[in-house]
Every structure is written in structure tokens, then in C-alpha cells.
């Protein structure tokens, strides 16, 4: 697609590359050789980005170094990074109200209260 765009005509680009982690065995997250895959796209993108243009590409901490190397090798200067810090794993839903009720119930039982009945 980038080959159809004239040189030096794009001001900015935002993209979310695959992370190449073989996530859940999905083909869309597998590139083969991640550096070469990124380099091809970086070279094509460098051709169309105007001088002073910005590129924002999402990456994963485990493979980000290969992507950044490819962009530098294509002629880009990496001047800043935005880090997205998040916990690992899938989030689990939790009703915080129930957590408080369990804690109160435990404290009451420690004080000798036998049956705790909560009214809605």
C-alpha cells in the first residue's frame, strides 16, 4: 500500500505492528523474522514520511528492540518513547463491596459473632 503513496507526502503515521510473540498460536502475531518484517515496512514508511514527520508504532517490551533497530536502520531517529505499563495476564472482575463485607464478617466472627446476615 505504501508504494502507491508519493515520496515525502505523509506528516505522521500511527500503527500497531504484531508483537511476534506467537500469542495463543495465532498466525496474525507471527512474522517469521521480526526484524526483517519491520525493516521492510520501516524503509517503505521512511520514503513517504516528510522531513520532521512523526511515526508512532506500538511494540511489546519483549520484541521492541528489534523493531526499533529496524526503524533506525531504515533512517529514522528515535527521539522519544511512550511506555504503556500494564500488569500481566487477563484482568479478573472483582466486586470490591463484597471484599469489604468479607473483611467485616471475618472481624465480627473474631469478636464472637456467630451468624452475620446482610440485608439488601
PDB file of N, CA and C in Angstrom:
ATOM      1  N   UNK A   1       0.814  -1.194   0.000  1.00  0.00           N
ATOM      2  CA  UNK A   1       0.000   0.000   0.000  1.00  0.00           C
ATOM      3  C   UNK A   1       0.864   1.267   0.000  1.00  0.00           C
ATOM      4  N   UNK A   2       1.956   1.255   0.776  1.00  0.00           N
ATOM      5  CA  UNK A   2       2.806   2.447   0.849  1.00  0.00           C
ATOM      6  C   UNK A   2       3.464   2.776  -0.485  1.00  0.00           C
ATOM      7  N   UNK A   3       3.660   1.769  -1.332  1.00  0.00           N
ATOM      8  CA  UNK A   3       4.309   2.021  -2.623  1.00  0.00           C
ATOM      9  C   UNK A   3       3.463   2.915  -3.530  1.00  0.00           C
ATOM     10  N   UNK A   4       2.163   3.034  -3.254  1.00  0.00           N
ATOM     11  CA  UNK A   4       1.279   3.879  -4.059  1.00  0.00           C
ATOM     12  C   UNK A   4       1.296   5.337  -3.610  1.00  0.00           C
ATOM     13  N   UNK A   5       1.930   5.619  -2.475  1.00  0.00           N
ATOM     14  CA  UNK A   5       1.978   6.979  -1.927  1.00  0.00           C
ATOM     15  C   UNK A   5       3.248   7.669  -2.410  1.00  0.00           C
ATOM     16  N   UNK A   6       3.124   8.952  -2.786  1.00  0.00           N
ATOM     17  CA  UNK A   6       4.276   9.719  -3.262  1.00  0.00           C
ATOM     18  C   UNK A   6       5.273   9.934  -2.122  1.00  0.00           C
ATOM     19  N   UNK A   7       6.549  10.116  -2.503  1.00  0.00           N
ATOM     20  CA  UNK A   7       7.601  10.375  -1.526  1.00  0.00           C
ATOM     21  C   UNK A   7       7.337  11.678  -0.782  1.00  0.00           C
ATOM     22  N   UNK A   8       7.715  11.689   0.497  1.00  0.00           N
ATOM     23  CA  UNK A   8       7.674  12.895   1.333  1.00  0.00           C
ATOM     24  C   UNK A   8       6.308  13.575   1.347  1.00  0.00           C
ATOM     25  N   UNK A   9       5.238  12.819   1.452  1.00  0.00           N
ATOM     26  CA  UNK A   9       3.896  13.416   1.439  1.00  0.00           C
ATOM     27  C   UNK A   9       3.091  13.125   2.710  1.00  0.00           C
ATOM     28  N   UNK A  10       3.627  12.340   3.623  1.00  0.00           N
ATOM     29  CA  UNK A  10       2.880  11.952   4.824  1.00  0.00           C
ATOM     30  C   UNK A  10       3.491  12.655   6.041  1.00  0.00           C
ATOM     31  N   UNK A  11       2.631  13.278   6.843  1.00  0.00           N
ATOM     32  CA  UNK A  11       3.111  14.005   8.026  1.00  0.00           C
ATOM     33  C   UNK A  11       3.302  13.105   9.243  1.00  0.00           C
ATOM     34  N   UNK A  12       2.443  12.106   9.387  1.00  0.00           N
ATOM     35  CA  UNK A  12       2.553  11.234  10.561  1.00  0.00           C
ATOM     36  C   UNK A  12       1.910   9.885  10.279  1.00  0.00           C
ATOM     37  N   UNK A  13       2.288   8.920  11.101  1.00  0.00           N
ATOM     38  CA  UNK A  13       1.751   7.568  10.965  1.00  0.00           C
ATOM     39  C   UNK A  13       1.636   6.945  12.346  1.00  0.00           C
ATOM     40  N   UNK A  14       0.525   6.268  12.597  1.00  0.00           N
ATOM     41  CA  UNK A  14       0.334   5.501  13.824  1.00  0.00           C
ATOM     42  C   UNK A  14      -0.011   4.081  13.402  1.00  0.00           C
ATOM     43  N   UNK A  15       0.705   3.118  13.960  1.00  0.00           N
ATOM     44  CA  UNK A  15       0.462   1.733  13.587  1.00  0.00           C
ATOM     45  C   UNK A  15       0.686   0.808  14.779  1.00  0.00           C
ATOM     46  N   UNK A  16       0.044  -0.323  14.747  1.00  0.00           N
ATOM     47  CA  UNK A  16       0.191  -1.341  15.783  1.00  0.00           C
ATOM     48  C   UNK A  16       0.678  -2.606  15.108  1.00  0.00           C
ATOM     49  N   UNK A  17       1.986  -2.778  15.071  1.00  0.00           N
ATOM     50  CA  UNK A  17       2.589  -3.952  14.453  1.00  0.00           C
ATOM     51  C   UNK A  17       2.266  -5.190  15.285  1.00  0.00           C
ATOM     52  N   UNK A  18       2.357  -6.374  14.684  1.00  0.00           N
ATOM     53  CA  UNK A  18       2.267  -7.590  15.508  1.00  0.00           C
ATOM     54  C   UNK A  18       3.445  -7.604  16.475  1.00  0.00           C
ATOM     55  N   UNK A  19       3.288  -8.253  17.597  1.00  0.00           N
ATOM     56  CA  UNK A  19       4.360  -8.291  18.591  1.00  0.00           C
ATOM     57  C   UNK A  19       5.287  -9.485  18.382  1.00  0.00           C
ATOM     58  N   UNK A  20       4.923 -10.387  17.523  1.00  0.00           N
ATOM     59  CA  UNK A  20       5.723 -11.565  17.193  1.00  0.00           C
ATOM     60  C   UNK A  20       6.012 -12.418  18.426  1.00  0.00           C
ATOM     61  N   UNK A  21       4.990 -12.604  19.243  1.00  0.00           N
ATOM     62  CA  UNK A  21       5.121 -13.403  20.463  1.00  0.00           C
ATOM     63  C   UNK A  21       4.481 -14.776  20.309  1.00  0.00           C
ATOM     64  N   UNK A  22       3.952 -15.059  19.135  1.00  0.00           N
ATOM     65  CA  UNK A  22       3.222 -16.304  18.888  1.00  0.00           C
ATOM     66  C   UNK A  22       2.070 -16.414  19.889  1.00  0.00           C
ATOM     67  N   UNK A  23       1.385 -15.290  20.105  1.00  0.00           N
ATOM     68  CA  UNK A  23       0.323 -15.187  21.100  1.00  0.00           C
ATOM     69  C   UNK A  23      -0.792 -16.183  20.822  1.00  0.00           C
ATOM     70  N   UNK A  24      -0.997 -17.080  21.758  1.00  0.00           N
ATOM     71  CA  UNK A  24      -2.050 -18.089  21.682  1.00  0.00           C
ATOM     72  C   UNK A  24      -2.007 -18.862  20.360  1.00  0.00           C
ATOM     73  N   UNK A  25      -0.825 -18.935  19.739  1.00  0.00           N
ATOM     74  CA  UNK A  25      -0.671 -19.688  18.499  1.00  0.00           C
ATOM     75  C   UNK A  25      -1.324 -19.038  17.290  1.00  0.00           C
ATOM     76  N   UNK A  26      -1.630 -17.738  17.369  1.00  0.00           N
ATOM     77  CA  UNK A  26      -2.321 -17.056  16.271  1.00  0.00           C
ATOM     78  C   UNK A  26      -1.349 -16.652  15.176  1.00  0.00           C
ATOM     79  N   UNK A  27      -1.728 -16.899  13.930  1.00  0.00           N
ATOM     80  CA  UNK A  27      -0.876 -16.595  12.786  1.00  0.00           C
ATOM     81  C   UNK A  27      -0.663 -15.089  12.623  1.00  0.00           C
ATOM     82  N   UNK A  28      -1.666 -14.266  12.978  1.00  0.00           N
ATOM     83  CA  UNK A  28      -1.548 -12.820  12.788  1.00  0.00           C
ATOM     84  C   UNK A  28      -0.461 -12.216  13.671  1.00  0.00           C
ATOM     85  N   UNK A  29       0.006 -12.951  14.675  1.00  0.00           N
ATOM     86  CA  UNK A  29       1.047 -12.435  15.558  1.00  0.00           C
ATOM     87  C   UNK A  29       2.402 -13.072  15.256  1.00  0.00           C
ATOM     88  N   UNK A  30       2.559 -13.665  14.105  1.00  0.00           N
ATOM     89  CA  UNK A  30       3.796 -14.334  13.741  1.00  0.00           C
ATOM     90  C   UNK A  30       4.287 -13.778  12.410  1.00  0.00           C
ATOM     91  N   UNK A  31       5.522 -13.290  12.389  1.00  0.00           N
ATOM     92  CA  UNK A  31       6.053 -12.693  11.161  1.00  0.00           C
ATOM     93  C   UNK A  31       7.131 -13.542  10.499  1.00  0.00           C
ATOM     94  N   UNK A  32       7.685 -14.493  11.212  1.00  0.00           N
ATOM     95  CA  UNK A  32       8.810 -15.263  10.683  1.00  0.00           C
ATOM     96  C   UNK A  32      10.094 -14.666  11.213  1.00  0.00           C
ATOM     97  N   UNK A  33      10.610 -13.635  10.557  1.00  0.00           N
ATOM     98  CA  UNK A  33      11.778 -12.899  11.031  1.00  0.00           C
ATOM     99  C   UNK A  33      11.308 -11.483  11.342  1.00  0.00           C
ATOM    100  N   UNK A  34      11.130 -11.193  12.618  1.00  0.00           N
ATOM    101  CA  UNK A  34      10.509  -9.927  13.030  1.00  0.00           C
ATOM    102  C   UNK A  34      11.322  -8.715  12.592  1.00  0.00           C
ATOM    103  N   UNK A  35      12.646  -8.775  12.722  1.00  0.00           N
ATOM    104  CA  UNK A  35      13.477  -7.643  12.312  1.00  0.00           C
ATOM    105  C   UNK A  35      13.288  -7.346  10.829  1.00  0.00           C
ATOM    106  N   UNK A  36      13.392  -8.359   9.980  1.00  0.00           N
ATOM    107  CA  UNK A  36      13.236  -8.155   8.536  1.00  0.00           C
ATOM    108  C   UNK A  36      11.840  -7.646   8.190  1.00  0.00           C
ATOM    109  N   UNK A  37      10.828  -8.182   8.869  1.00  0.00           N
ATOM    110  CA  UNK A  37       9.447  -7.754   8.640  1.00  0.00           C
ATOM    111  C   UNK A  37       9.310  -6.263   8.950  1.00  0.00           C
ATOM    112  N   UNK A  38       9.861  -5.844  10.089  1.00  0.00           N
ATOM    113  CA  UNK A  38       9.792  -4.430  10.482  1.00  0.00           C
ATOM    114  C   UNK A  38      10.626  -3.553   9.549  1.00  0.00           C
ATOM    115  N   UNK A  39      11.807  -4.043   9.150  1.00  0.00           N
ATOM    116  CA  UNK A  39      12.682  -3.267   8.279  1.00  0.00           C
ATOM    117  C   UNK A  39      12.010  -2.964   6.941  1.00  0.00           C
ATOM    118  N   UNK A  40      11.360  -3.947   6.357  1.00  0.00           N
ATOM    119  CA  UNK A  40      10.639  -3.723   5.090  1.00  0.00           C
ATOM    120  C   UNK A  40       9.637  -2.577   5.228  1.00  0.00           C
ATOM    121  N   UNK A  41       8.867  -2.601   6.276  1.00  0.00           N
ATOM    122  CA  UNK A  41       7.843  -1.579   6.478  1.00  0.00           C
ATOM    123  C   UNK A  41       8.451  -0.234   6.843  1.00  0.00           C
ATOM    124  N   UNK A  42       9.533  -0.259   7.622  1.00  0.00           N
ATOM    125  CA  UNK A  42      10.190   0.988   8.009  1.00  0.00           C
ATOM    126  C   UNK A  42      10.812   1.691   6.803  1.00  0.00           C
ATOM    127  N   UNK A  43      11.432   0.925   5.916  1.00  0.00           N
ATOM    128  CA  UNK A  43      12.024   1.510   4.708  1.00  0.00           C
ATOM    129  C   UNK A  43      10.931   2.142   3.844  1.00  0.00           C
ATOM    130  N   UNK A  44       9.831   1.431   3.660  1.00  0.00           N
ATOM    131  CA  UNK A  44       8.724   1.962   2.860  1.00  0.00           C
ATOM    132  C   UNK A  44       8.115   3.200   3.515  1.00  0.00           C
ATOM    133  N   UNK A  45       8.020   3.174   4.822  1.00  0.00           N
ATOM    134  CA  UNK A  45       7.449   4.309   5.550  1.00  0.00           C
ATOM    135  C   UNK A  45       8.395   5.505   5.519  1.00  0.00           C
ATOM    136  N   UNK A  46       9.675   5.265   5.647  1.00  0.00           N
ATOM    137  CA  UNK A  46      10.663   6.354   5.626  1.00  0.00           C
ATOM    138  C   UNK A  46      10.622   7.097   4.297  1.00  0.00           C
ATOM    139  N   UNK A  47      10.332   6.403   3.243  1.00  0.00           N
ATOM    140  CA  UNK A  47      10.246   7.026   1.912  1.00  0.00           C
ATOM    141  C   UNK A  47       9.109   8.037   1.829  1.00  0.00           C
ATOM    142  N   UNK A  48       7.985   7.760   2.477  1.00  0.00           N
ATOM    143  CA  UNK A  48       6.810   8.625   2.320  1.00  0.00           C
ATOM    144  C   UNK A  48       6.678   9.679   3.420  1.00  0.00           C
ATOM    145  N   UNK A  49       7.355   9.501   4.550  1.00  0.00           N
ATOM    146  CA  UNK A  49       7.254  10.470   5.648  1.00  0.00           C
ATOM    147  C   UNK A  49       8.063  11.716   5.304  1.00  0.00           C
ATOM    148  N   UNK A  50       7.438  12.882   5.506  1.00  0.00           N
ATOM    149  CA  UNK A  50       8.135  14.152   5.279  1.00  0.00           C
ATOM    150  C   UNK A  50       9.220  14.359   6.327  1.00  0.00           C
ATOM    151  N   UNK A  51      10.181  15.179   6.012  1.00  0.00           N
ATOM    152  CA  UNK A  51      11.210  15.540   6.974  1.00  0.00           C
ATOM    153  C   UNK A  51      10.535  16.191   8.186  1.00  0.00           C
ATOM    154  N   UNK A  52      10.860  15.700   9.360  1.00  0.00           N
ATOM    155  CA  UNK A  52      10.230  16.223  10.583  1.00  0.00           C
ATOM    156  C   UNK A  52       8.932  15.529  10.938  1.00  0.00           C
ATOM    157  N   UNK A  53       8.504  14.571  10.108  1.00  0.00           N
ATOM    158  CA  UNK A  53       7.267  13.841  10.397  1.00  0.00           C
ATOM    159  C   UNK A  53       7.457  12.874  11.554  1.00  0.00           C
ATOM    160  N   UNK A  54       6.348  12.462  12.123  1.00  0.00           N
ATOM    161  CA  UNK A  54       6.387  11.571  13.280  1.00  0.00           C
ATOM    162  C   UNK A  54       5.764  10.218  12.968  1.00  0.00           C
ATOM    163  N   UNK A  55       6.325   9.208  13.584  1.00  0.00           N
ATOM    164  CA  UNK A  55       5.807   7.856  13.465  1.00  0.00           C
ATOM    165  C   UNK A  55       5.630   7.312  14.878  1.00  0.00           C
ATOM    166  N   UNK A  56       4.470   6.752  15.146  1.00  0.00           N
ATOM    167  CA  UNK A  56       4.199   6.112  16.433  1.00  0.00           C
ATOM    168  C   UNK A  56       3.817   4.671  16.146  1.00  0.00           C
ATOM    169  N   UNK A  57       4.661   3.757  16.577  1.00  0.00           N
ATOM    170  CA  UNK A  57       4.435   2.337  16.331  1.00  0.00           C
ATOM    171  C   UNK A  57       4.363   1.638  17.679  1.00  0.00           C
ATOM    172  N   UNK A  58       3.290   0.915  17.917  1.00  0.00           N
ATOM    173  CA  UNK A  58       3.158   0.159  19.153  1.00  0.00           C
ATOM    174  C   UNK A  58       4.055  -1.072  19.092  1.00  0.00           C
ATOM    175  N   UNK A  59       4.667  -1.404  20.211  1.00  0.00           N
ATOM    176  CA  UNK A  59       5.516  -2.572  20.282  1.00  0.00           C
ATOM    177  C   UNK A  59       5.381  -3.242  21.635  1.00  0.00           C
ATOM    178  N   UNK A  60       5.961  -4.398  21.769  1.00  0.00           N
ATOM    179  CA  UNK A  60       5.940  -5.144  23.021  1.00  0.00           C
ATOM    180  C   UNK A  60       7.342  -5.130  23.621  1.00  0.00           C
ATOM    181  N   UNK A  61       7.456  -5.026  24.954  1.00  0.00           N
ATOM    182  CA  UNK A  61       8.786  -4.984  25.568  1.00  0.00           C
ATOM    183  C   UNK A  61       9.703  -6.143  25.177  1.00  0.00           C
ATOM    184  N   UNK A  62       9.146  -7.299  24.869  1.00  0.00           N
ATOM    185  CA  UNK A  62       9.975  -8.460  24.530  1.00  0.00           C
ATOM    186  C   UNK A  62      10.560  -8.390  23.119  1.00  0.00           C
ATOM    187  N   UNK A  63       9.923  -7.656  22.215  1.00  0.00           N
ATOM    188  CA  UNK A  63      10.408  -7.612  20.828  1.00  0.00           C
ATOM    189  C   UNK A  63      10.646  -6.179  20.336  1.00  0.00           C
ATOM    190  N   UNK A  64      10.414  -5.200  21.188  1.00  0.00           N
ATOM    191  CA  UNK A  64      10.525  -3.795  20.823  1.00  0.00           C
ATOM    192  C   UNK A  64      11.925  -3.428  20.330  1.00  0.00           C
ATOM    193  N   UNK A  65      12.942  -4.042  20.877  1.00  0.00           N
ATOM    194  CA  UNK A  65      14.316  -3.720  20.490  1.00  0.00           C
ATOM    195  C   UNK A  65      14.584  -4.045  19.017  1.00  0.00           C
ATOM    196  N   UNK A  66      13.997  -5.121  18.528  1.00  0.00           N
ATOM    197  CA  UNK A  66      14.181  -5.463  17.109  1.00  0.00           C
ATOM    198  C   UNK A  66      13.471  -4.455  16.206  1.00  0.00           C
ATOM    199  N   UNK A  67      12.275  -4.053  16.621  1.00  0.00           N
ATOM    200  CA  UNK A  67      11.519  -3.078  15.840  1.00  0.00           C
ATOM    201  C   UNK A  67      12.258  -1.742  15.794  1.00  0.00           C
ATOM    202  N   UNK A  68      12.756  -1.286  16.943  1.00  0.00           N
ATOM    203  CA  UNK A  68      13.470  -0.007  16.974  1.00  0.00           C
ATOM    204  C   UNK A  68      14.751  -0.068  16.147  1.00  0.00           C
ATOM    205  N   UNK A  69      15.454  -1.188  16.199  1.00  0.00           N
ATOM    206  CA  UNK A  69      16.664  -1.345  15.381  1.00  0.00           C
ATOM    207  C   UNK A  69      16.332  -1.249  13.894  1.00  0.00           C
ATOM    208  N   UNK A  70      15.248  -1.875  13.495  1.00  0.00           N
ATOM    209  CA  UNK A  70      14.826  -1.824  12.088  1.00  0.00           C
ATOM    210  C   UNK A  70      14.506  -0.399  11.666  1.00  0.00           C
ATOM    211  N   UNK A  71      13.813   0.343  12.512  1.00  0.00           N
ATOM    212  CA  UNK A  71      13.470   1.729  12.169  1.00  0.00           C
ATOM    213  C   UNK A  71      14.719   2.610  12.102  1.00  0.00           C
ATOM    214  N   UNK A  72      15.664   2.395  13.009  1.00  0.00           N
ATOM    215  CA  UNK A  72      16.920   3.148  12.933  1.00  0.00           C
ATOM    216  C   UNK A  72      17.692   2.786  11.664  1.00  0.00           C
ATOM    217  N   UNK A  73      17.740   1.518  11.345  1.00  0.00           N
ATOM    218  CA  UNK A  73      18.452   1.084  10.142  1.00  0.00           C
ATOM    219  C   UNK A  73      17.801   1.606   8.866  1.00  0.00           C
ATOM    220  N   UNK A  74      16.500   1.888   8.930  1.00  0.00           N
ATOM    221  CA  UNK A  74      15.790   2.443   7.769  1.00  0.00           C
ATOM    222  C   UNK A  74      15.995   3.950   7.635  1.00  0.00           C
ATOM    223  N   UNK A  75      16.597   4.578   8.658  1.00  0.00           N
ATOM    224  CA  UNK A  75      16.879   6.011   8.566  1.00  0.00           C
ATOM    225  C   UNK A  75      16.124   6.873   9.566  1.00  0.00           C
ATOM    226  N   UNK A  76      15.275   6.284  10.386  1.00  0.00           N
ATOM    227  CA  UNK A  76      14.539   7.047  11.392  1.00  0.00           C
ATOM    228  C   UNK A  76      15.430   7.344  12.594  1.00  0.00           C
ATOM    229  N   UNK A  77      15.164   8.472  13.239  1.00  0.00           N
ATOM    230  CA  UNK A  77      15.796   8.805  14.512  1.00  0.00           C
ATOM    231  C   UNK A  77      14.767   8.590  15.610  1.00  0.00           C
ATOM    232  N   UNK A  78      15.098   7.771  16.571  1.00  0.00           N
ATOM    233  CA  UNK A  78      14.185   7.553  17.698  1.00  0.00           C
ATOM    234  C   UNK A  78      14.512   8.619  18.733  1.00  0.00           C
ATOM    235  N   UNK A  79      13.600   9.550  18.912  1.00  0.00           N
ATOM    236  CA  UNK A  79      13.860  10.667  19.818  1.00  0.00           C
ATOM    237  C   UNK A  79      13.106  10.548  21.140  1.00  0.00           C
ATOM    238  N   UNK A  80      11.970   9.891  21.133  1.00  0.00           N
ATOM    239  CA  UNK A  80      11.199   9.725  22.357  1.00  0.00           C
ATOM    240  C   UNK A  80      10.447   8.414  22.309  1.00  0.00           C
ATOM    241  N   UNK A  81      10.106   7.925  23.477  1.00  0.00           N
ATOM    242  CA  UNK A  81       9.288   6.727  23.585  1.00  0.00           C
ATOM    243  C   UNK A  81       8.155   6.990  24.552  1.00  0.00           C
ATOM    244  N   UNK A  82       7.038   6.379  24.285  1.00  0.00           N
ATOM    245  CA  UNK A  82       5.915   6.399  25.213  1.00  0.00           C
ATOM    246  C   UNK A  82       5.750   4.971  25.693  1.00  0.00           C
ATOM    247  N   UNK A  83       5.873   4.775  26.991  1.00  0.00           N
ATOM    248  CA  UNK A  83       5.741   3.429  27.540  1.00  0.00           C
ATOM    249  C   UNK A  83       4.343   3.224  28.090  1.00  0.00           C
ATOM    250  N   UNK A  84       3.779   2.097  27.784  1.00  0.00           N
ATOM    251  CA  UNK A  84       2.469   1.700  28.279  1.00  0.00           C
ATOM    252  C   UNK A  84       2.727   0.590  29.285  1.00  0.00           C
ATOM    253  N   UNK A  85       2.568   0.926  30.552  1.00  0.00           N
ATOM    254  CA  UNK A  85       2.858  -0.026  31.618  1.00  0.00           C
ATOM    255  C   UNK A  85       1.550  -0.690  32.037  1.00  0.00           C
ATOM    256  N   UNK A  86       1.550  -2.004  32.064  1.00  0.00           N
ATOM    257  CA  UNK A  86       0.336  -2.733  32.419  1.00  0.00           C
ATOM    258  C   UNK A  86       0.722  -4.035  33.116  1.00  0.00           C
ATOM    259  N   UNK A  87      -0.215  -4.572  33.879  1.00  0.00           N
ATOM    260  CA  UNK A  87       0.003  -5.844  34.546  1.00  0.00           C
ATOM    261  C   UNK A  87      -0.105  -6.982  33.553  1.00  0.00           C
ATOM    262  N   UNK A  88       0.450  -8.115  33.908  1.00  0.00           N
ATOM    263  CA  UNK A  88       0.401  -9.251  33.009  1.00  0.00           C
ATOM    264  C   UNK A  88      -0.851 -10.075  33.255  1.00  0.00           C
ATOM    265  N   UNK A  89      -1.211 -10.847  32.301  1.00  0.00           N
ATOM    266  CA  UNK A  89      -2.368 -11.725  32.427  1.00  0.00           C
ATOM    267  C   UNK A  89      -3.657 -11.007  32.075  1.00  0.00           C
ATOM    268  N   UNK A  90      -4.715 -11.777  32.091  1.00  0.00           N
ATOM    269  CA  UNK A  90      -6.024 -11.232  31.779  1.00  0.00           C
ATOM    270  C   UNK A  90      -6.652 -10.673  33.049  1.00  0.00           C
ATOM    271  N   UNK A  91      -7.275  -9.505  32.979  1.00  0.00           N
ATOM    272  CA  UNK A  91      -7.875  -8.931  34.181  1.00  0.00           C
ATOM    273  C   UNK A  91      -9.058  -9.765  34.667  1.00  0.00           C
ATOM    274  N   UNK A  92      -9.225  -9.779  35.970  1.00  0.00           N
ATOM    275  CA  UNK A  92     -10.343 -10.502  36.565  1.00  0.00           C
ATOM    276  C   UNK A  92     -11.263  -9.499  37.236  1.00  0.00           C
ATOM    277  N   UNK A  93     -12.542  -9.684  37.036  1.00  0.00           N
ATOM    278  CA  UNK A  93     -13.525  -8.796  37.615  1.00  0.00           C
ATOM    279  C   UNK A  93     -13.636  -9.075  39.112  1.00  0.00           C
ATOM    280  N   UNK A  94     -13.787  -8.027  39.918  1.00  0.00           N
ATOM    281  CA  UNK A  94     -13.917  -8.184  41.363  1.00  0.00           C
ATOM    282  C   UNK A  94     -14.892  -7.131  41.886  1.00  0.00           C
ATOM    283  N   UNK A  95     -15.834  -7.554  42.694  1.00  0.00           N
ATOM    284  CA  UNK A  95     -16.772  -6.647  43.339  1.00  0.00           C
ATOM    285  C   UNK A  95     -16.151  -6.205  44.654  1.00  0.00           C
ATOM    286  N   UNK A  96     -15.675  -4.977  44.708  1.00  0.00           N
ATOM    287  CA  UNK A  96     -14.959  -4.502  45.893  1.00  0.00           C
ATOM    288  C   UNK A  96     -15.872  -4.446  47.119  1.00  0.00           C
ATOM    289  N   UNK A  97     -17.166  -4.238  46.897  1.00  0.00           N
ATOM    290  CA  UNK A  97     -18.111  -4.235  48.014  1.00  0.00           C
ATOM    291  C   UNK A  97     -18.136  -5.572  48.734  1.00  0.00           C
ATOM    292  N   UNK A  98     -18.078  -6.658  47.972  1.00  0.00           N
ATOM    293  CA  UNK A  98     -18.062  -7.991  48.579  1.00  0.00           C
ATOM    294  C   UNK A  98     -16.780  -8.220  49.371  1.00  0.00           C
ATOM    295  N   UNK A  99     -15.674  -7.668  48.894  1.00  0.00           N
ATOM    296  CA  UNK A  99     -14.414  -7.793  49.637  1.00  0.00           C
ATOM    297  C   UNK A  99     -14.513  -7.123  51.001  1.00  0.00           C
ATOM    298  N   UNK A 100     -15.110  -5.928  51.038  1.00  0.00           N
ATOM    299  CA  UNK A 100     -15.283  -5.230  52.312  1.00  0.00           C
ATOM    300  C   UNK A 100     -16.204  -6.018  53.245  1.00  0.00           C
ATOM    301  N   UNK A 101     -17.296  -6.564  52.698  1.00  0.00           N
ATOM    302  CA  UNK A 101     -18.226  -7.334  53.537  1.00  0.00           C
ATOM    303  C   UNK A 101     -17.541  -8.577  54.113  1.00  0.00           C
ATOM    304  N   UNK A 102     -16.714  -9.247  53.327  1.00  0.00           N
ATOM    305  CA  UNK A 102     -15.994 -10.425  53.825  1.00  0.00           C
ATOM    306  C   UNK A 102     -15.033 -10.044  54.944  1.00  0.00           C
ATOM    307  N   UNK A 103     -14.375  -8.920  54.790  1.00  0.00           N
ATOM    308  CA  UNK A 103     -13.436  -8.477  55.820  1.00  0.00           C
ATOM    309  C   UNK A 103     -14.182  -8.143  57.124  1.00  0.00           C
ATOM    310  N   UNK A 104     -15.295  -7.446  57.000  1.00  0.00           N
ATOM    311  CA  UNK A 104     -16.093  -7.099  58.181  1.00  0.00           C
ATOM    312  C   UNK A 104     -16.626  -8.368  58.844  1.00  0.00           C
ATOM    313  N   UNK A 105     -17.108  -9.296  58.027  1.00  0.00           N
ATOM    314  CA  UNK A 105     -17.632 -10.563  58.552  1.00  0.00           C
ATOM    315  C   UNK A 105     -16.546 -11.323  59.316  1.00  0.00           C
ATOM    316  N   UNK A 106     -15.345 -11.337  58.800  1.00  0.00           N
ATOM    317  CA  UNK A 106     -14.234 -12.012  59.464  1.00  0.00           C
ATOM    318  C   UNK A 106     -13.936 -11.355  60.812  1.00  0.00           C
ATOM    319  N   UNK A 107     -13.923 -10.024  60.828  1.00  0.00           N
ATOM    320  CA  UNK A 107     -13.663  -9.307  62.075  1.00  0.00           C
ATOM    321  C   UNK A 107     -14.754  -9.574  63.104  1.00  0.00           C
ATOM    322  N   UNK A 108     -16.012  -9.623  62.655  1.00  0.00           N
ATOM    323  CA  UNK A 108     -17.116  -9.892  63.577  1.00  0.00           C
ATOM    324  C   UNK A 108     -17.017 -11.299  64.152  1.00  0.00           C
ATOM    325  N   UNK A 109     -16.664 -12.275  63.311  1.00  0.00           N
ATOM    326  CA  UNK A 109     -16.515 -13.653  63.792  1.00  0.00           C
ATOM    327  C   UNK A 109     -15.377 -13.759  64.800  1.00  0.00           C
ATOM    328  N   UNK A 110     -14.303 -13.002  64.589  1.00  0.00           N
ATOM    329  CA  UNK A 110     -13.197 -12.985  65.544  1.00  0.00           C
ATOM    330  C   UNK A 110     -13.625 -12.404  66.887  1.00  0.00           C
ATOM    331  N   UNK A 111     -14.651 -11.563  66.843  1.00  0.00           N
ATOM    332  CA  UNK A 111     -15.169 -10.947  68.071  1.00  0.00           C
ATOM    333  C   UNK A 111     -16.269 -11.789  68.708  1.00  0.00           C
ATOM    334  N   UNK A 112     -16.584 -12.937  68.121  1.00  0.00           N
ATOM    335  CA  UNK A 112     -17.537 -13.851  68.716  1.00  0.00           C
ATOM    336  C   UNK A 112     -18.931 -13.834  68.120  1.00  0.00           C
ATOM    337  N   UNK A 113     -19.176 -13.069  67.096  1.00  0.00           N
ATOM    338  CA  UNK A 113     -20.493 -13.044  66.459  1.00  0.00           C
ATOM    339  C   UNK A 113     -20.625 -14.313  65.626  1.00  0.00           C
ATOM    340  N   UNK A 114     -21.695 -15.096  65.896  1.00  0.00           N
ATOM    341  CA  UNK A 114     -21.879 -16.384  65.229  1.00  0.00           C
ATOM    342  C   UNK A 114     -22.387 -16.232  63.799  1.00  0.00           C
ATOM    343  N   UNK A 115     -23.559 -15.639  63.655  1.00  0.00           N
ATOM    344  CA  UNK A 115     -24.186 -15.518  62.333  1.00  0.00           C
ATOM    345  C   UNK A 115     -24.264 -14.076  61.900  1.00  0.00           C
ATOM    346  N   UNK A 116     -23.753 -13.818  60.731  1.00  0.00           N
ATOM    347  CA  UNK A 116     -23.838 -12.469  60.148  1.00  0.00           C
ATOM    348  C   UNK A 116     -24.776 -12.541  58.960  1.00  0.00           C
ATOM    349  N   UNK A 117     -25.824 -11.743  59.004  1.00  0.00           N
ATOM    350  CA  UNK A 117     -26.810 -11.722  57.910  1.00  0.00           C
ATOM    351  C   UNK A 117     -26.832 -10.295  57.366  1.00  0.00           C
ATOM    352  N   UNK A 118     -26.561 -10.189  56.086  1.00  0.00           N
ATOM    353  CA  UNK A 118     -26.543  -8.878  55.430  1.00  0.00           C
ATOM    354  C   UNK A 118     -27.899  -8.656  54.756  1.00  0.00           C
ATOM    355  N   UNK A 119     -28.472  -7.485  55.005  1.00  0.00           N
ATOM    356  CA  UNK A 119     -29.746  -7.115  54.355  1.00  0.00           C
ATOM    357  C   UNK A 119     -29.444  -6.222  53.165  1.00  0.00           C
ATOM    358  N   UNK A 120     -30.222  -6.397  52.128  1.00  0.00           N
ATOM    359  CA  UNK A 120     -30.023  -5.568  50.931  1.00  0.00           C
ATOM    360  C   UNK A 120     -30.867  -4.334  50.974  1.00  0.00           C
TER     361      UNK A 120
END
